[in-house]
Amino acid sequence: MKNKRIILKISGEALSGVNGFGLDAGVIAAVVDQIRRVREMNIELGVVVGGGNFWRGRQGSNMDRTVADHMGMLATIMNSLALRDALDRSGIAARVMSSIDVNKICEPYIYKRAERHFEKGRVVIFAAGTGNPFFSTDTAAALKAVEVKADMILLAKSVNGVYDDDPKLNSNAQKIDSLTYLDVLSRKLNVMDFTAITLCMDNKVPIIAFGLIEQDSIVRAAKGEKIGTLIS
């Protein structure tokens, strides 16, 4: 069955390109071009962006976890605004909806208003995670996918799928083409956090994990082509 609505989850690290920090204009331009092509396929698109290119966890400090997570939420808003700006400049209507109150710079997340944006053909960028500390942007993507009744989550990462070990540390790590949710949980595979996987499992939301830098990866995943790792 053709997907009608998709949640695209992009890690903050992926947006930083080879730099590992900040924003890579080339990566963002490529993402915007693919979003345009996905929209031309009459697929409604919501986007959740991480913040790891600006702030990740406590960053080696003893900072209070709640404070660190609040800083992470602000980092996701920075990325979301950058993506919206790039979309706007490309003629693609987009809105940023935040789970925390920053009404001077973007809208608050309200389910019915998000639905209206989808109906108007706008790309909806969900910022600030769930709005609560101790929850990741992975969980936010799963939660938004369930709330807005998305057909699938496209998980764009810095690696081209799920491996049986960390491919950055183990050159013999093997890529896995398909997994069940229980496989991910029982094998403790580093895909999304367990809260997100469990939420997707309970609500039967499939996930495709793939590499953002692969050629046309977002478009190919949206079309249902074989790419990355399917979790279902």
C-alpha atoms as a PDB file:
ATOM      1  CA  MET A   1       0.000   0.000   0.000  1.00  0.00           C
ATOM      2  CA  LYS A   2       1.329   3.431  -0.930  1.00  0.00           C
ATOM      3  CA  ASN A   3       2.313   5.648   1.974  1.00  0.00           C
ATOM      4  CA  LYS A   4       0.119   8.720   2.395  1.00  0.00           C
ATOM      5  CA  ARG A   5       1.807  10.281   5.423  1.00  0.00           C
ATOM      6  CA  ILE A   6       5.360   9.791   6.641  1.00  0.00           C
ATOM      7  CA  ILE A   7       7.374  10.980   9.606  1.00  0.00           C
ATOM      8  CA  LEU A   8      10.985  11.659   8.658  1.00  0.00           C
ATOM      9  CA  LYS A   9      13.394  11.569  11.605  1.00  0.00           C
ATOM     10  CA  ILE A  10      16.753  13.187  10.890  1.00  0.00           C
ATOM     11  CA  SER A  11      19.562  13.014  13.416  1.00  0.00           C
ATOM     12  CA  GLY A  12      21.291  16.283  14.214  1.00  0.00           C
ATOM     13  CA  GLU A  13      24.661  14.641  13.531  1.00  0.00           C
ATOM     14  CA  ALA A  14      23.554  13.803   9.983  1.00  0.00           C
ATOM     15  CA  LEU A  15      22.833  17.486   9.320  1.00  0.00           C
ATOM     16  CA  SER A  16      26.382  18.415  10.302  1.00  0.00           C
ATOM     17  CA  GLY A  17      27.852  16.392   7.421  1.00  0.00           C
ATOM     18  CA  VAL A  18      31.534  15.535   7.767  1.00  0.00           C
ATOM     19  CA  ASN A  19      32.093  18.414  10.188  1.00  0.00           C
ATOM     20  CA  GLY A  20      30.434  16.656  13.126  1.00  0.00           C
ATOM     21  CA  PHE A  21      29.176  19.972  14.493  1.00  0.00           C
ATOM     22  CA  GLY A  22      26.851  22.713  13.311  1.00  0.00           C
ATOM     23  CA  LEU A  23      25.011  22.705   9.992  1.00  0.00           C
ATOM     24  CA  ASP A  24      26.260  21.652   6.564  1.00  0.00           C
ATOM     25  CA  ALA A  25      24.578  23.767   3.880  1.00  0.00           C
ATOM     26  CA  GLY A  26      25.111  21.079   1.250  1.00  0.00           C
ATOM     27  CA  VAL A  27      23.438  18.390   3.361  1.00  0.00           C
ATOM     28  CA  ILE A  28      20.468  20.666   4.100  1.00  0.00           C
ATOM     29  CA  ALA A  29      20.104  21.556   0.404  1.00  0.00           C
ATOM     30  CA  ALA A  30      20.060  17.848  -0.495  1.00  0.00           C
ATOM     31  CA  VAL A  31      17.432  17.153   2.193  1.00  0.00           C
ATOM     32  CA  VAL A  32      15.262  20.030   0.936  1.00  0.00           C
ATOM     33  CA  ASP A  33      15.477  18.768  -2.661  1.00  0.00           C
ATOM     34  CA  GLN A  34      14.381  15.290  -1.576  1.00  0.00           C
ATOM     35  CA  ILE A  35      11.552  16.670   0.563  1.00  0.00           C
ATOM     36  CA  ARG A  36      10.319  18.556  -2.504  1.00  0.00           C
ATOM     37  CA  ARG A  37      10.332  15.345  -4.539  1.00  0.00           C
ATOM     38  CA  VAL A  38       8.529  13.401  -1.811  1.00  0.00           C
ATOM     39  CA  ARG A  39       5.843  16.089  -1.659  1.00  0.00           C
ATOM     40  CA  GLU A  40       5.474  15.864  -5.463  1.00  0.00           C
ATOM     41  CA  MET A  41       4.515  12.205  -4.875  1.00  0.00           C
ATOM     42  CA  ASN A  42       1.491  13.508  -2.879  1.00  0.00           C
ATOM     43  CA  ILE A  43       2.922  12.162   0.366  1.00  0.00           C
ATOM     44  CA  GLU A  44       2.292  14.274   3.459  1.00  0.00           C
ATOM     45  CA  LEU A  45       5.481  14.782   5.423  1.00  0.00           C
ATOM     46  CA  GLY A  46       6.243  15.498   9.062  1.00  0.00           C
ATOM     47  CA  VAL A  47       9.848  15.940  10.164  1.00  0.00           C
ATOM     48  CA  VAL A  48      11.467  15.439  13.557  1.00  0.00           C
ATOM     49  CA  VAL A  49      15.049  16.713  13.837  1.00  0.00           C
ATOM     50  CA  GLY A  50      17.524  15.793  16.554  1.00  0.00           C
ATOM     51  CA  GLY A  51      19.914  18.272  18.161  1.00  0.00           C
ATOM     52  CA  GLY A  52      23.136  16.280  18.524  1.00  0.00           C
ATOM     53  CA  ASN A  53      25.061  18.528  16.144  1.00  0.00           C
ATOM     54  CA  PHE A  54      24.803  21.304  18.743  1.00  0.00           C
ATOM     55  CA  TRP A  55      24.233  19.552  22.073  1.00  0.00           C
ATOM     56  CA  ARG A  56      24.220  15.918  23.123  1.00  0.00           C
ATOM     57  CA  GLY A  57      23.411  14.673  26.630  1.00  0.00           C
ATOM     58  CA  ARG A  58      25.538  16.124  29.384  1.00  0.00           C
ATOM     59  CA  GLN A  59      28.580  16.264  27.083  1.00  0.00           C
ATOM     60  CA  GLY A  60      30.854  14.727  29.676  1.00  0.00           C
ATOM     61  CA  SER A  61      29.829  17.071  32.483  1.00  0.00           C
ATOM     62  CA  ASN A  62      27.921  16.428  35.718  1.00  0.00           C
ATOM     63  CA  MET A  63      25.153  18.772  34.645  1.00  0.00           C
ATOM     64  CA  ASP A  64      21.669  18.032  35.926  1.00  0.00           C
ATOM     65  CA  ARG A  65      19.937  15.732  33.411  1.00  0.00           C
ATOM     66  CA  THR A  66      16.809  17.880  33.209  1.00  0.00           C
ATOM     67  CA  VAL A  67      18.843  21.000  32.405  1.00  0.00           C
ATOM     68  CA  ALA A  68      20.867  19.118  29.783  1.00  0.00           C
ATOM     69  CA  ASP A  69      17.713  17.783  28.153  1.00  0.00           C
ATOM     70  CA  HIS A  70      16.188  21.254  28.042  1.00  0.00           C
ATOM     71  CA  MET A  71      19.311  22.458  26.232  1.00  0.00           C
ATOM     72  CA  GLY A  72      18.891  19.572  23.796  1.00  0.00           C
ATOM     73  CA  MET A  73      15.320  20.688  23.083  1.00  0.00           C
ATOM     74  CA  LEU A  74      16.589  24.156  22.220  1.00  0.00           C
ATOM     75  CA  ALA A  75      19.148  22.595  19.872  1.00  0.00           C
ATOM     76  CA  THR A  76      16.347  20.808  17.993  1.00  0.00           C
ATOM     77  CA  ILE A  77      14.520  24.121  17.610  1.00  0.00           C
ATOM     78  CA  MET A  78      17.645  25.654  16.052  1.00  0.00           C
ATOM     79  CA  ASN A  79      17.837  22.813  13.539  1.00  0.00           C
ATOM     80  CA  SER A  80      14.103  22.974  12.829  1.00  0.00           C
ATOM     81  CA  LEU A  81      14.244  26.714  12.120  1.00  0.00           C
ATOM     82  CA  ALA A  82      17.215  26.217   9.796  1.00  0.00           C
ATOM     83  CA  LEU A  83      15.367  23.495   7.888  1.00  0.00           C
ATOM     84  CA  ARG A  84      12.178  25.562   7.650  1.00  0.00           C
ATOM     85  CA  ASP A  85      14.146  28.535   6.357  1.00  0.00           C
ATOM     86  CA  ALA A  86      15.758  26.373   3.661  1.00  0.00           C
ATOM     87  CA  LEU A  87      12.360  24.955   2.697  1.00  0.00           C
ATOM     88  CA  ASP A  88      10.775  28.413   2.582  1.00  0.00           C
ATOM     89  CA  ARG A  89      13.556  29.716   0.331  1.00  0.00           C
ATOM     90  CA  SER A  90      12.925  26.774  -2.004  1.00  0.00           C
ATOM     91  CA  GLY A  91       9.222  27.592  -2.252  1.00  0.00           C
ATOM     92  CA  ILE A  92       8.105  24.691  -0.036  1.00  0.00           C
ATOM     93  CA  ALA A  93       5.513  25.665   2.582  1.00  0.00           C
ATOM     94  CA  ALA A  94       6.608  24.529   6.046  1.00  0.00           C
ATOM     95  CA  ARG A  95       5.757  25.174   9.686  1.00  0.00           C
ATOM     96  CA  VAL A  96       7.721  24.536  12.866  1.00  0.00           C
ATOM     97  CA  MET A  97       5.628  23.313  15.806  1.00  0.00           C
ATOM     98  CA  SER A  98       7.344  23.151  19.190  1.00  0.00           C
ATOM     99  CA  SER A  99       6.502  20.985  22.192  1.00  0.00           C
ATOM    100  CA  ILE A 100       7.754  23.767  24.485  1.00  0.00           C
ATOM    101  CA  ASP A 101       6.521  27.362  24.489  1.00  0.00           C
ATOM    102  CA  VAL A 102       8.681  29.572  22.262  1.00  0.00           C
ATOM    103  CA  ASN A 103       5.796  31.383  20.612  1.00  0.00           C
ATOM    104  CA  LYS A 104       7.914  34.291  19.398  1.00  0.00           C
ATOM    105  CA  ILE A 105       9.759  32.049  16.933  1.00  0.00           C
ATOM    106  CA  CYS A 106       7.470  29.082  16.158  1.00  0.00           C
ATOM    107  CA  GLU A 107       4.018  27.658  16.787  1.00  0.00           C
ATOM    108  CA  PRO A 108       3.077  25.478  19.759  1.00  0.00           C
ATOM    109  CA  TYR A 109       2.328  21.877  18.847  1.00  0.00           C
ATOM    110  CA  ILE A 110      -1.440  21.366  18.702  1.00  0.00           C
ATOM    111  CA  TYR A 111      -2.643  18.152  17.105  1.00  0.00           C
ATOM    112  CA  LYS A 112      -5.593  19.646  15.208  1.00  0.00           C
ATOM    113  CA  ARG A 113      -3.471  22.522  13.917  1.00  0.00           C
ATOM    114  CA  ALA A 114      -0.862  20.044  12.682  1.00  0.00           C
ATOM    115  CA  GLU A 115      -3.616  18.172  10.844  1.00  0.00           C
ATOM    116  CA  ARG A 116      -4.679  21.425   9.217  1.00  0.00           C
ATOM    117  CA  HIS A 117      -1.116  22.085   8.041  1.00  0.00           C
ATOM    118  CA  PHE A 118      -0.977  18.607   6.496  1.00  0.00           C
ATOM    119  CA  GLU A 119      -4.298  19.242   4.733  1.00  0.00           C
ATOM    120  CA  LYS A 120      -2.868  22.495   3.334  1.00  0.00           C
ATOM    121  CA  GLY A 121       0.096  20.589   1.891  1.00  0.00           C
ATOM    122  CA  ARG A 122       2.653  22.016   4.310  1.00  0.00           C
ATOM    123  CA  VAL A 123       5.669  20.167   5.678  1.00  0.00           C
ATOM    124  CA  VAL A 124       5.309  20.067   9.470  1.00  0.00           C
ATOM    125  CA  ILE A 125       8.556  20.163  11.442  1.00  0.00           C
ATOM    126  CA  PHE A 126       8.122  18.975  15.024  1.00  0.00           C
ATOM    127  CA  ALA A 127      10.656  20.593  17.374  1.00  0.00           C
ATOM    128  CA  ALA A 128      11.682  20.237  21.032  1.00  0.00           C
ATOM    129  CA  GLY A 129      11.155  16.490  21.260  1.00  0.00           C
ATOM    130  CA  THR A 130       8.260  15.496  23.494  1.00  0.00           C
ATOM    131  CA  GLY A 131       8.688  18.656  25.581  1.00  0.00           C
ATOM    132  CA  ASN A 132       9.779  16.538  28.540  1.00  0.00           C
ATOM    133  CA  PRO A 133      13.237  15.654  29.859  1.00  0.00           C
ATOM    134  CA  PHE A 134      14.340  11.996  29.896  1.00  0.00           C
ATOM    135  CA  PHE A 135      12.753  11.360  26.473  1.00  0.00           C
ATOM    136  CA  SER A 136      14.728  11.356  23.242  1.00  0.00           C
ATOM    137  CA  THR A 137      13.825  12.763  19.831  1.00  0.00           C
ATOM    138  CA  ASP A 138      13.477   9.114  18.742  1.00  0.00           C
ATOM    139  CA  THR A 139      10.586   8.800  21.168  1.00  0.00           C
ATOM    140  CA  ALA A 140       9.223  12.123  19.900  1.00  0.00           C
ATOM    141  CA  ALA A 141       9.263  10.778  16.325  1.00  0.00           C
ATOM    142  CA  ALA A 142       7.445   7.603  17.390  1.00  0.00           C
ATOM    143  CA  LEU A 143       4.910   9.582  19.413  1.00  0.00           C
ATOM    144  CA  LYS A 144       4.209  12.032  16.595  1.00  0.00           C
ATOM    145  CA  ALA A 145       3.908   9.152  14.094  1.00  0.00           C
ATOM    146  CA  VAL A 146       1.255   7.531  16.273  1.00  0.00           C
ATOM    147  CA  GLU A 147      -0.552  10.813  17.004  1.00  0.00           C
ATOM    148  CA  VAL A 148      -0.811  11.947  13.379  1.00  0.00           C
ATOM    149  CA  LYS A 149      -1.456   8.389  12.119  1.00  0.00           C
ATOM    150  CA  ALA A 150       1.630   8.202   9.913  1.00  0.00           C
ATOM    151  CA  ASP A 151       2.105   5.100   7.793  1.00  0.00           C
ATOM    152  CA  MET A 152       5.825   4.838   8.480  1.00  0.00           C
ATOM    153  CA  ILE A 153       8.878   6.398  10.116  1.00  0.00           C
ATOM    154  CA  LEU A 154      11.881   7.084   7.898  1.00  0.00           C
ATOM    155  CA  LEU A 155      14.919   7.133  10.181  1.00  0.00           C
ATOM    156  CA  ALA A 156      17.724   9.041   8.434  1.00  0.00           C
ATOM    157  CA  LYS A 157      21.017   8.442  10.211  1.00  0.00           C
ATOM    158  CA  SER A 158      24.738   8.848   9.669  1.00  0.00           C
ATOM    159  CA  VAL A 159      24.986   5.053   9.029  1.00  0.00           C
ATOM    160  CA  ASN A 160      23.291   3.229   6.135  1.00  0.00           C
ATOM    161  CA  GLY A 161      21.206   0.829   8.206  1.00  0.00           C
ATOM    162  CA  VAL A 162      21.292  -1.369  11.300  1.00  0.00           C
ATOM    163  CA  TYR A 163      24.400  -3.469  11.971  1.00  0.00           C
ATOM    164  CA  ASP A 164      25.056  -6.362  14.335  1.00  0.00           C
ATOM    165  CA  ASP A 165      27.866  -4.264  15.859  1.00  0.00           C
ATOM    166  CA  ASP A 166      29.119  -0.686  15.628  1.00  0.00           C
ATOM    167  CA  PRO A 167      30.499  -0.383  12.064  1.00  0.00           C
ATOM    168  CA  LYS A 168      32.623   2.595  13.104  1.00  0.00           C
ATOM    169  CA  LEU A 169      34.482   0.426  15.611  1.00  0.00           C
ATOM    170  CA  ASN A 170      34.224  -3.013  13.988  1.00  0.00           C
ATOM    171  CA  SER A 171      35.075  -3.310  10.281  1.00  0.00           C
ATOM    172  CA  ASN A 172      33.538  -6.805  10.256  1.00  0.00           C
ATOM    173  CA  ALA A 173      30.123  -5.616  11.421  1.00  0.00           C
ATOM    174  CA  GLN A 174      27.338  -6.962   9.203  1.00  0.00           C
ATOM    175  CA  LYS A 175      24.395  -4.912   7.951  1.00  0.00           C
ATOM    176  CA  ILE A 176      20.955  -6.392   8.662  1.00  0.00           C
ATOM    177  CA  ASP A 177      18.258  -5.987   5.997  1.00  0.00           C
ATOM    178  CA  SER A 178      15.167  -6.607   8.141  1.00  0.00           C
ATOM    179  CA  LEU A 179      14.285  -7.019  11.801  1.00  0.00           C
ATOM    180  CA  THR A 180      11.259  -7.346  14.012  1.00  0.00           C
ATOM    181  CA  TYR A 181      10.702  -4.914  16.858  1.00  0.00           C
ATOM    182  CA  LEU A 182      11.406  -7.768  19.291  1.00  0.00           C
ATOM    183  CA  ASP A 183      14.711  -8.485  17.520  1.00  0.00           C
ATOM    184  CA  VAL A 184      15.812  -4.915  18.177  1.00  0.00           C
ATOM    185  CA  LEU A 185      14.786  -5.108  21.834  1.00  0.00           C
ATOM    186  CA  SER A 186      16.168  -8.563  22.600  1.00  0.00           C
ATOM    187  CA  ARG A 187      19.474  -7.973  20.798  1.00  0.00           C
ATOM    188  CA  LYS A 188      19.798  -4.453  22.229  1.00  0.00           C
ATOM    189  CA  LEU A 189      20.571  -3.029  18.813  1.00  0.00           C
ATOM    190  CA  ASN A 190      21.385   0.659  18.601  1.00  0.00           C
ATOM    191  CA  VAL A 191      18.602   1.893  16.306  1.00  0.00           C
ATOM    192  CA  MET A 192      16.190   3.974  18.343  1.00  0.00           C
ATOM    193  CA  ASP A 193      15.775   4.001  22.090  1.00  0.00           C
ATOM    194  CA  PHE A 194      13.652   1.205  23.518  1.00  0.00           C
ATOM    195  CA  THR A 195      10.747   3.505  24.424  1.00  0.00           C
ATOM    196  CA  ALA A 196      10.446   4.533  20.766  1.00  0.00           C
ATOM    197  CA  ILE A 197      10.707   0.942  19.493  1.00  0.00           C
ATOM    198  CA  THR A 198       8.080  -0.256  21.978  1.00  0.00           C
ATOM    199  CA  LEU A 199       5.718   2.565  20.997  1.00  0.00           C
ATOM    200  CA  CYS A 200       6.100   1.669  17.317  1.00  0.00           C
ATOM    201  CA  MET A 201       5.603  -2.024  18.081  1.00  0.00           C
ATOM    202  CA  ASP A 202       2.433  -1.424  20.110  1.00  0.00           C
ATOM    203  CA  ASN A 203       0.971   0.706  17.316  1.00  0.00           C
ATOM    204  CA  LYS A 204       2.364  -1.257  14.333  1.00  0.00           C
ATOM    205  CA  VAL A 205       4.328   1.644  12.855  1.00  0.00           C
ATOM    206  CA  PRO A 206       7.113   0.293  10.593  1.00  0.00           C
ATOM    207  CA  ILE A 207      10.531   1.950  10.558  1.00  0.00           C
ATOM    208  CA  ILE A 208      13.119   2.168   7.793  1.00  0.00           C
ATOM    209  CA  ALA A 209      16.605   3.061   9.064  1.00  0.00           C
ATOM    210  CA  PHE A 210      18.984   4.280   6.340  1.00  0.00           C
ATOM    211  CA  GLY A 211      21.915   6.602   5.657  1.00  0.00           C
ATOM    212  CA  LEU A 212      21.052  10.221   4.938  1.00  0.00           C
ATOM    213  CA  ILE A 213      24.115  10.722   2.722  1.00  0.00           C
ATOM    214  CA  GLU A 214      23.175   7.887   0.359  1.00  0.00           C
ATOM    215  CA  GLN A 215      22.012   9.080  -3.055  1.00  0.00           C
ATOM    216  CA  ASP A 216      18.287   9.975  -3.011  1.00  0.00           C
ATOM    217  CA  SER A 217      17.851   7.925   0.167  1.00  0.00           C
ATOM    218  CA  ILE A 218      14.774   9.765   1.485  1.00  0.00           C
ATOM    219  CA  VAL A 219      12.970   9.551  -1.860  1.00  0.00           C
ATOM    220  CA  ARG A 220      13.866   5.879  -2.290  1.00  0.00           C
ATOM    221  CA  ALA A 221      12.666   5.004   1.204  1.00  0.00           C
ATOM    222  CA  ALA A 222       9.423   6.953   0.682  1.00  0.00           C
ATOM    223  CA  LYS A 223       8.817   5.036  -2.555  1.00  0.00           C
ATOM    224  CA  GLY A 224       9.211   1.741  -0.719  1.00  0.00           C
ATOM    225  CA  GLU A 225      12.454   0.752  -2.446  1.00  0.00           C
ATOM    226  CA  LYS A 226      14.754  -1.662  -0.672  1.00  0.00           C
ATOM    227  CA  ILE A 227      17.147   0.506   1.310  1.00  0.00           C
ATOM    228  CA  GLY A 228      18.689   0.388   4.764  1.00  0.00           C
ATOM    229  CA  THR A 229      16.970  -1.803   7.353  1.00  0.00           C
ATOM    230  CA  LEU A 230      13.238  -2.407   7.707  1.00  0.00           C
ATOM    231  CA  ILE A 231      11.925  -2.849  11.255  1.00  0.00           C
ATOM    232  CA  SER A 232       8.363  -4.109  11.483  1.00  0.00           C
END
